[in-house]
Amino acid sequence: MRVISGKLRGTPLKAVPGKGTRPTTDKVKEALFSIIGPYFDGGIALDLFAGTGGLGIEALSRGMDRAIFVDLEPSSIEVVRDNIRTCRLQEQTEVYRNDAARALKALGKRGIRPDIIFMDPPYRLDIVGNLSQLMCELSLPAPNAILVAEQPVSRELPDRLGGFQCRKRAEYGDTAIHIYDFLEMMNYDQRKGEAM
């Protein structure tokens, strides 16, 4: 594993020991960044279920200002911190060992509004919909935010997730990448009211 492009191009990244973590392959990473970037002019990235931290680090390499990494597994947090040190990104990063929903609530209280949200939960967990809804209820996404959800090919996600609208779905082996654009908060609140 390595950083594919940007100022840190070619920097090797450590993997999480064991088989519990499934890092995003370089091929998938390259494909998804070519869709959402490939480069950025600042902003905040949120790497939920960070694993190795590869997606957030790639976003920083390609021009994001800051990245926040969240994972519940101690081994993942240790590897994320190691990879951040290797890339010398300590000043641009925050790392938290926390449950995803709790982390989102904590970020909401701090008024942090990510521009890109990477969500790559373990495939056994079908929680992308619930967490997307929670983000919208917390008014967490920045205007024009992008949500990237990685799921098994066998699991279809809906065109709408809370205030997010699916822009593209692409399959790479047993992995499906779903890219969502955040709709204006006002439109989301209006649709929520109509559904009640």
Protein backbone atom coordinates (compact mmCIF):
# COMPACT_ATOMS: atom_id res chain seq x y z
CA MET A 1 0.00 0.00 0.00
CA ARG A 2 1.17 3.49 -0.83
CA VAL A 3 0.02 7.05 -1.44
CA ILE A 4 -0.88 7.16 -5.12
CA SER A 5 -0.70 10.82 -6.06
CA GLY A 6 -0.05 14.35 -4.84
CA LYS A 7 2.71 15.72 -2.63
CA LEU A 8 3.18 12.38 -0.81
CA ARG A 9 3.08 10.22 -3.94
CA GLY A 10 4.82 6.87 -3.51
CA THR A 11 5.03 7.01 0.31
CA PRO A 12 4.52 3.46 1.66
CA LEU A 13 1.75 2.90 4.21
CA LYS A 14 1.56 0.22 6.88
CA ALA A 15 -1.32 -2.26 6.88
CA VAL A 16 -3.28 -3.35 9.96
CA PRO A 17 -2.04 -6.79 11.08
CA GLY A 18 -4.39 -9.75 10.66
CA LYS A 19 -7.40 -10.21 8.42
CA GLY A 20 -9.93 -8.09 10.33
CA THR A 21 -9.28 -4.96 8.26
CA ARG A 22 -9.81 -4.77 4.50
CA PRO A 23 -7.84 -1.82 3.14
CA THR A 24 -9.05 -0.08 0.00
CA THR A 25 -6.87 -1.34 -2.85
CA ASP A 26 -4.71 1.08 -4.82
CA LYS A 27 -6.83 0.39 -7.92
CA VAL A 28 -10.07 1.33 -6.16
CA LYS A 29 -8.43 4.33 -4.47
CA GLU A 30 -7.15 5.65 -7.79
CA ALA A 31 -10.56 5.19 -9.42
CA LEU A 32 -12.53 6.93 -6.69
CA PHE A 33 -10.17 9.92 -6.46
CA SER A 34 -10.32 10.37 -10.22
CA ILE A 35 -14.10 10.76 -9.79
CA ILE A 36 -14.19 13.07 -6.75
CA GLY A 37 -10.99 15.07 -7.40
CA PRO A 38 -8.52 14.16 -8.44
CA TYR A 39 -7.04 17.13 -6.52
CA PHE A 40 -8.51 19.50 -3.96
CA ASP A 41 -8.23 23.15 -3.04
CA GLY A 42 -8.41 22.81 0.74
CA GLY A 43 -11.19 21.52 2.97
CA ILE A 44 -11.70 18.88 5.68
CA ALA A 45 -11.80 15.12 5.11
CA LEU A 46 -13.43 12.70 7.56
CA ASP A 47 -12.16 9.12 7.36
CA LEU A 48 -14.74 7.10 9.30
CA PHE A 49 -13.78 3.43 9.92
CA ALA A 50 -10.30 4.64 9.00
CA GLY A 51 -8.51 1.27 9.07
CA THR A 52 -5.01 2.25 7.87
CA GLY A 53 -5.98 5.88 7.26
CA GLY A 54 -5.16 5.46 3.58
CA LEU A 55 -8.15 7.40 2.22
CA GLY A 56 -7.73 10.41 4.50
CA ILE A 57 -3.98 10.50 3.88
CA GLU A 58 -4.55 10.32 0.12
CA ALA A 59 -6.98 13.25 0.40
CA LEU A 60 -4.35 15.29 2.27
CA SER A 61 -1.72 14.41 -0.30
CA ARG A 62 -4.07 15.68 -3.00
CA GLY A 63 -4.73 19.06 -1.37
CA MET A 64 -7.17 18.81 1.55
CA ASP A 65 -6.20 21.00 4.53
CA ARG A 66 -7.17 18.68 7.38
CA ALA A 67 -8.27 15.11 7.99
CA ILE A 68 -10.03 13.49 10.94
CA PHE A 69 -9.62 9.74 11.40
CA VAL A 70 -12.03 7.62 13.44
CA ASP A 71 -11.86 3.90 14.20
CA LEU A 72 -12.91 1.70 17.09
CA GLU A 73 -10.11 -0.86 16.81
CA PRO A 74 -6.93 -0.11 18.82
CA SER A 75 -4.75 -1.86 16.20
CA SER A 76 -6.19 0.39 13.46
CA ILE A 77 -5.64 3.55 15.52
CA GLU A 78 -2.01 2.55 16.10
CA VAL A 79 -1.44 2.01 12.36
CA VAL A 80 -3.19 5.28 11.44
CA ARG A 81 -0.90 7.16 13.85
CA ASP A 82 2.18 5.39 12.40
CA ASN A 83 1.15 6.23 8.83
CA ILE A 84 0.50 9.87 9.78
CA ARG A 85 3.97 10.08 11.33
CA THR A 86 5.56 8.49 8.25
CA CYS A 87 3.86 11.12 6.08
CA ARG A 88 4.64 13.93 8.57
CA LEU A 89 1.02 15.01 8.71
CA GLN A 90 0.63 15.39 12.49
CA GLU A 91 -0.19 19.11 12.21
CA GLN A 92 -3.04 18.46 9.76
CA THR A 93 -4.70 15.49 11.45
CA GLU A 94 -6.83 14.37 14.39
CA VAL A 95 -7.20 10.70 15.34
CA TYR A 96 -9.97 9.31 17.57
CA ARG A 97 -10.72 5.85 18.85
CA ASN A 98 -14.49 5.94 18.99
CA ASP A 99 -17.74 4.45 17.79
CA ALA A 100 -18.77 6.07 14.48
CA ALA A 101 -22.11 7.48 15.70
CA ARG A 102 -20.55 8.93 18.87
CA ALA A 103 -17.73 10.46 16.84
CA LEU A 104 -20.23 12.14 14.49
CA LYS A 105 -22.11 13.62 17.46
CA ALA A 106 -18.84 14.91 18.97
CA LEU A 107 -17.85 16.52 15.65
CA GLY A 108 -21.31 18.07 15.35
CA LYS A 109 -20.96 19.66 18.81
CA ARG A 110 -17.62 21.15 17.74
CA GLY A 111 -19.19 22.60 14.58
CA ILE A 112 -16.84 20.67 12.29
CA ARG A 113 -18.31 20.31 8.79
CA PRO A 114 -16.37 17.89 6.56
CA ASP A 115 -16.17 18.46 2.81
CA ILE A 116 -15.43 14.80 2.04
CA ILE A 117 -16.62 11.87 4.15
CA PHE A 118 -15.16 8.41 3.57
CA MET A 119 -17.27 5.61 5.01
CA ASP A 120 -15.86 2.10 4.69
CA PRO A 121 -17.42 0.03 7.49
CA PRO A 122 -16.79 -3.71 7.86
CA TYR A 123 -18.91 -5.44 5.23
CA ARG A 124 -20.87 -7.31 7.93
CA LEU A 125 -22.29 -3.98 9.15
CA ASP A 126 -25.19 -2.51 7.17
CA ILE A 127 -25.01 0.97 8.73
CA VAL A 128 -24.22 3.42 5.93
CA GLY A 129 -27.86 4.54 5.71
CA ASN A 130 -28.26 5.15 9.44
CA LEU A 131 -24.98 7.04 9.74
CA SER A 132 -25.76 9.18 6.68
CA GLN A 133 -29.13 10.09 8.22
CA LEU A 134 -27.42 10.98 11.49
CA MET A 135 -24.94 13.26 9.69
CA CYS A 136 -27.81 15.17 8.12
CA GLU A 137 -29.70 15.46 11.42
CA LEU A 138 -26.53 16.91 12.97
CA SER A 139 -26.08 19.34 10.01
CA LEU A 140 -22.59 17.88 9.75
CA PRO A 141 -21.81 17.91 6.00
CA ALA A 142 -20.39 21.11 4.53
CA PRO A 143 -22.25 22.66 1.58
CA ASN A 144 -21.43 20.62 -1.53
CA ALA A 145 -19.95 17.82 0.61
CA ILE A 146 -19.19 14.44 -0.96
CA LEU A 147 -19.85 11.09 0.70
CA VAL A 148 -17.88 8.05 -0.50
CA ALA A 149 -19.33 4.75 0.75
CA GLU A 150 -17.55 1.45 0.15
CA GLN A 151 -19.77 -1.62 0.34
CA PRO A 152 -19.88 -5.23 -0.87
CA VAL A 153 -21.18 -5.57 -4.44
CA SER A 154 -24.10 -7.63 -3.12
CA ARG A 155 -25.46 -4.66 -1.12
CA GLU A 156 -27.36 -1.99 -3.03
CA LEU A 157 -27.58 1.43 -1.46
CA PRO A 158 -30.54 3.71 -2.30
CA ASP A 159 -30.24 6.75 -4.58
CA ARG A 160 -30.99 8.98 -1.58
CA LEU A 161 -29.35 8.70 1.83
CA GLY A 162 -30.76 11.42 4.06
CA GLY A 163 -29.66 14.63 2.38
CA PHE A 164 -27.28 12.85 -0.01
CA GLN A 165 -28.01 12.05 -3.67
CA CYS A 166 -26.10 9.26 -5.44
CA ARG A 167 -23.96 10.54 -8.29
CA LYS A 168 -22.21 7.31 -9.27
CA ARG A 169 -21.89 3.63 -8.37
CA ALA A 170 -18.92 1.64 -9.64
CA GLU A 171 -17.89 -1.97 -9.05
CA TYR A 172 -14.34 -3.25 -8.63
CA GLY A 173 -14.25 -7.00 -7.95
CA ASP A 174 -16.28 -7.63 -4.79
CA THR A 175 -16.26 -3.91 -3.87
CA ALA A 176 -18.85 -1.31 -4.84
CA ILE A 177 -18.08 2.39 -4.48
CA HIS A 178 -21.05 4.75 -4.05
CA ILE A 179 -20.41 8.47 -4.47
CA TYR A 180 -23.04 10.85 -3.09
CA ASP A 181 -23.40 14.62 -3.30
CA PHE A 182 -24.87 16.51 -0.36
CA LEU A 183 -28.00 18.44 -1.26
CA GLU A 184 -28.64 21.82 0.29
CA MET A 185 -29.70 21.46 3.91
CA MET A 186 -32.85 23.48 3.25
CA ASN A 187 -33.98 21.00 0.60
CA TYR A 188 -33.27 18.09 2.95
CA ASP A 189 -35.30 19.67 5.79
CA GLN A 190 -38.17 20.33 3.38
CA ARG A 191 -38.25 16.74 2.11
CA LYS A 192 -38.05 15.40 5.68
CA GLY A 193 -41.05 17.52 6.64
CA GLU A 194 -43.05 16.23 3.66
CA ALA A 195 -42.30 12.62 4.65
CA MET A 196 -43.73 13.09 8.17
